Amino acid sequence: MRVLAIAACSARLPHATSPSRHLSLRWVHKHHHKQKAPSRGNADAVNVHPFEFLTGEYLHLLTVWLVPCHMVAVFLFVAVGGVLASLNHTRFAVAFSSLYDVKWHDVHHRLPESNYGQYIMLWDKLLGTYRSYDWLDGETARGAGRASRRAKAD
């Protein structure tokens, strides 16, 4: 149960800091978002500026401090989180019910102002920053349709 509490807290902290981090560190974080569809797993997941890497790691430490738990829970959180972060940066179609889907992080790479949660979208859904992969496909299709209509009009 503590692992779930850690996951919920961990999902909230990056969500709380991502908008400011994306604004204040856009020159730092932009390197990570150059790839709109990352595919190299862990190599792409850790492909961030050293400052961003350190602040992200301290958010994990803060989470463990905020949610007192056994070392086994911390180990499970770090191990499972590492696997999920790596999967988020692959082209594999991995989903666990409505709890986790690799596509959610793909959306974040294409729309950095959405889907701040690394593993779960609980806070994104509650705070209105969640965008589904289907929504993104619909927006892309509408944009292509507008471009096609403009080309025909010219």
Protein backbone atom coordinates (compact mmCIF):
# COMPACT_ATOMS: atom_id res chain seq x y z
CA MET A 1 0.00 0.00 0.00
CA ARG A 2 2.88 2.37 0.78
CA VAL A 3 4.25 1.87 -2.74
CA LEU A 4 0.96 3.24 -4.12
CA ALA A 5 1.17 6.21 -1.74
CA ILE A 6 4.73 6.85 -2.89
CA ALA A 7 3.60 6.63 -6.53
CA ALA A 8 0.74 9.10 -5.97
CA CYS A 9 3.02 11.53 -4.14
CA SER A 10 5.76 11.08 -6.72
CA ALA A 11 3.30 11.84 -9.51
CA ARG A 12 2.17 15.03 -7.75
CA LEU A 13 5.59 16.56 -7.15
CA PRO A 14 6.71 16.62 -10.80
CA HIS A 15 3.25 17.84 -11.78
CA ALA A 16 3.54 20.67 -9.28
CA THR A 17 6.98 21.66 -10.52
CA SER A 18 6.81 20.78 -14.23
CA PRO A 19 4.98 23.91 -15.42
CA SER A 20 7.57 26.12 -13.71
CA ARG A 21 10.40 23.82 -14.71
CA HIS A 22 9.18 23.84 -18.30
CA LEU A 23 9.00 27.63 -18.28
CA SER A 24 12.18 28.38 -16.36
CA LEU A 25 14.22 25.49 -17.77
CA ARG A 26 12.89 25.45 -21.29
CA TRP A 27 16.41 25.98 -22.54
CA VAL A 28 17.58 23.07 -20.40
CA HIS A 29 14.66 20.67 -20.85
CA LYS A 30 14.25 21.34 -24.57
CA HIS A 31 17.07 18.91 -25.33
CA HIS A 32 15.01 16.05 -23.86
CA HIS A 33 11.98 17.06 -25.92
CA LYS A 34 13.80 17.23 -29.25
CA GLN A 35 12.56 13.71 -29.84
CA LYS A 36 8.82 13.78 -30.39
CA ALA A 37 8.69 9.98 -30.31
CA PRO A 38 11.60 8.65 -28.23
CA SER A 39 12.53 5.05 -28.90
CA ARG A 40 15.80 4.17 -27.11
CA GLY A 41 14.35 3.40 -23.69
CA ASN A 42 16.57 4.32 -20.78
CA ALA A 43 19.03 6.16 -23.04
CA ASP A 44 16.26 8.63 -23.93
CA ALA A 45 14.77 8.65 -20.41
CA VAL A 46 18.00 9.91 -18.82
CA ASN A 47 18.93 12.16 -21.75
CA VAL A 48 18.48 15.36 -19.74
CA HIS A 49 20.62 18.24 -18.53
CA PRO A 50 22.59 17.41 -15.34
CA PHE A 51 20.73 20.13 -13.39
CA GLU A 52 17.41 18.63 -14.38
CA PHE A 53 18.61 15.13 -13.52
CA LEU A 54 19.65 16.25 -10.01
CA THR A 55 16.40 18.10 -9.33
CA GLY A 56 14.41 15.08 -10.52
CA GLU A 57 16.37 12.77 -8.25
CA TYR A 58 15.80 15.09 -5.30
CA LEU A 59 12.07 14.95 -6.00
CA HIS A 60 12.30 11.17 -5.57
CA LEU A 61 14.12 11.63 -2.27
CA LEU A 62 11.53 14.18 -1.15
CA THR A 63 8.77 11.70 -1.98
CA VAL A 64 10.35 9.02 0.19
CA TRP A 65 10.77 11.55 2.99
CA LEU A 66 7.11 12.66 2.73
CA VAL A 67 5.79 9.08 2.71
CA PRO A 68 7.60 7.17 5.47
CA CYS A 69 7.97 3.57 4.39
CA HIS A 70 10.05 0.43 4.56
CA MET A 71 13.20 0.13 2.44
CA VAL A 72 11.56 -2.65 0.42
CA ALA A 73 8.83 -0.20 -0.64
CA VAL A 74 11.51 2.33 -1.64
CA PHE A 75 13.35 -0.34 -3.63
CA LEU A 76 10.12 -1.40 -5.41
CA PHE A 77 9.26 2.23 -6.16
CA VAL A 78 12.70 2.94 -7.64
CA ALA A 79 12.90 -0.35 -9.57
CA VAL A 80 9.38 -0.21 -11.01
CA GLY A 81 9.72 3.53 -11.67
CA GLY A 82 12.96 2.96 -13.58
CA VAL A 83 11.37 0.28 -15.74
CA LEU A 84 8.30 2.44 -16.43
CA ALA A 85 10.42 5.53 -17.22
CA SER A 86 12.41 3.44 -19.69
CA LEU A 87 9.25 2.02 -21.24
CA ASN A 88 7.90 5.57 -21.59
CA HIS A 89 10.73 6.23 -24.01
CA THR A 90 10.19 3.23 -26.29
CA ARG A 91 7.78 2.53 -29.10
CA PHE A 92 6.36 -0.47 -27.25
CA ALA A 93 2.59 -0.54 -26.74
CA VAL A 94 2.56 -1.19 -22.99
CA ALA A 95 -0.47 -0.41 -20.87
CA PHE A 96 -1.75 -1.59 -17.52
CA SER A 97 -5.50 -1.04 -17.51
CA SER A 98 -6.19 2.64 -16.86
CA LEU A 99 -3.22 3.00 -14.52
CA TYR A 100 -0.34 3.34 -16.99
CA ASP A 101 0.13 3.68 -20.73
CA VAL A 102 3.33 4.44 -22.63
CA LYS A 103 1.31 6.58 -25.04
CA TRP A 104 0.60 9.13 -22.30
CA HIS A 105 4.27 10.09 -22.15
CA ASP A 106 4.40 10.20 -25.97
CA VAL A 107 1.75 12.90 -25.77
CA HIS A 108 3.91 14.80 -23.26
CA HIS A 109 6.81 14.75 -25.73
CA ARG A 110 4.60 16.20 -28.45
CA LEU A 111 2.71 18.60 -26.14
CA PRO A 112 5.06 19.43 -23.23
CA GLU A 113 2.31 21.42 -21.44
CA SER A 114 0.36 18.20 -20.85
CA ASN A 115 0.71 14.83 -19.13
CA TYR A 116 3.34 15.89 -16.58
CA GLY A 117 3.01 12.65 -14.62
CA GLN A 118 5.79 10.22 -15.43
CA TYR A 119 3.88 7.05 -14.54
CA ILE A 120 0.26 7.83 -13.72
CA MET A 121 -2.10 10.54 -14.91
CA LEU A 122 -4.03 10.95 -11.65
CA TRP A 123 -3.01 14.57 -11.08
CA ASP A 124 -3.14 15.49 -14.77
CA LYS A 125 -6.73 14.29 -14.94
CA LEU A 126 -7.65 16.12 -11.74
CA LEU A 127 -5.91 19.36 -12.73
CA GLY A 128 -6.91 19.46 -16.41
CA THR A 129 -3.52 18.89 -18.05
CA TYR A 130 -4.29 15.36 -19.26
CA ARG A 131 -4.48 14.78 -23.02
CA SER A 132 -5.19 11.33 -24.40
CA TYR A 133 -3.34 9.86 -27.32
CA ASP A 134 -6.65 9.74 -29.21
CA TRP A 135 -7.15 13.46 -28.54
CA LEU A 136 -3.70 14.13 -29.97
CA ASP A 137 -4.46 12.05 -33.09
CA GLY A 138 -7.69 14.00 -33.51
CA GLU A 139 -5.87 17.33 -33.24
CA THR A 140 -3.26 16.16 -35.75
CA ALA A 141 -5.97 15.01 -38.14
CA ARG A 142 -7.86 18.31 -37.78
CA GLY A 143 -4.63 20.23 -38.40
CA ALA A 144 -3.88 18.15 -41.49
CA GLY A 145 -7.43 18.72 -42.70
CA ARG A 146 -7.11 22.50 -42.27
CA ALA A 147 -3.77 22.48 -44.11
CA SER A 148 -5.30 20.41 -46.90
CA ARG A 149 -8.27 22.79 -47.22
CA ARG A 150 -5.92 25.80 -47.28
CA ALA A 151 -3.82 24.18 -50.02
CA LYS A 152 -6.95 23.51 -52.10
CA ALA A 153 -8.11 27.12 -51.62
CA ASP A 154 -4.76 28.44 -52.90
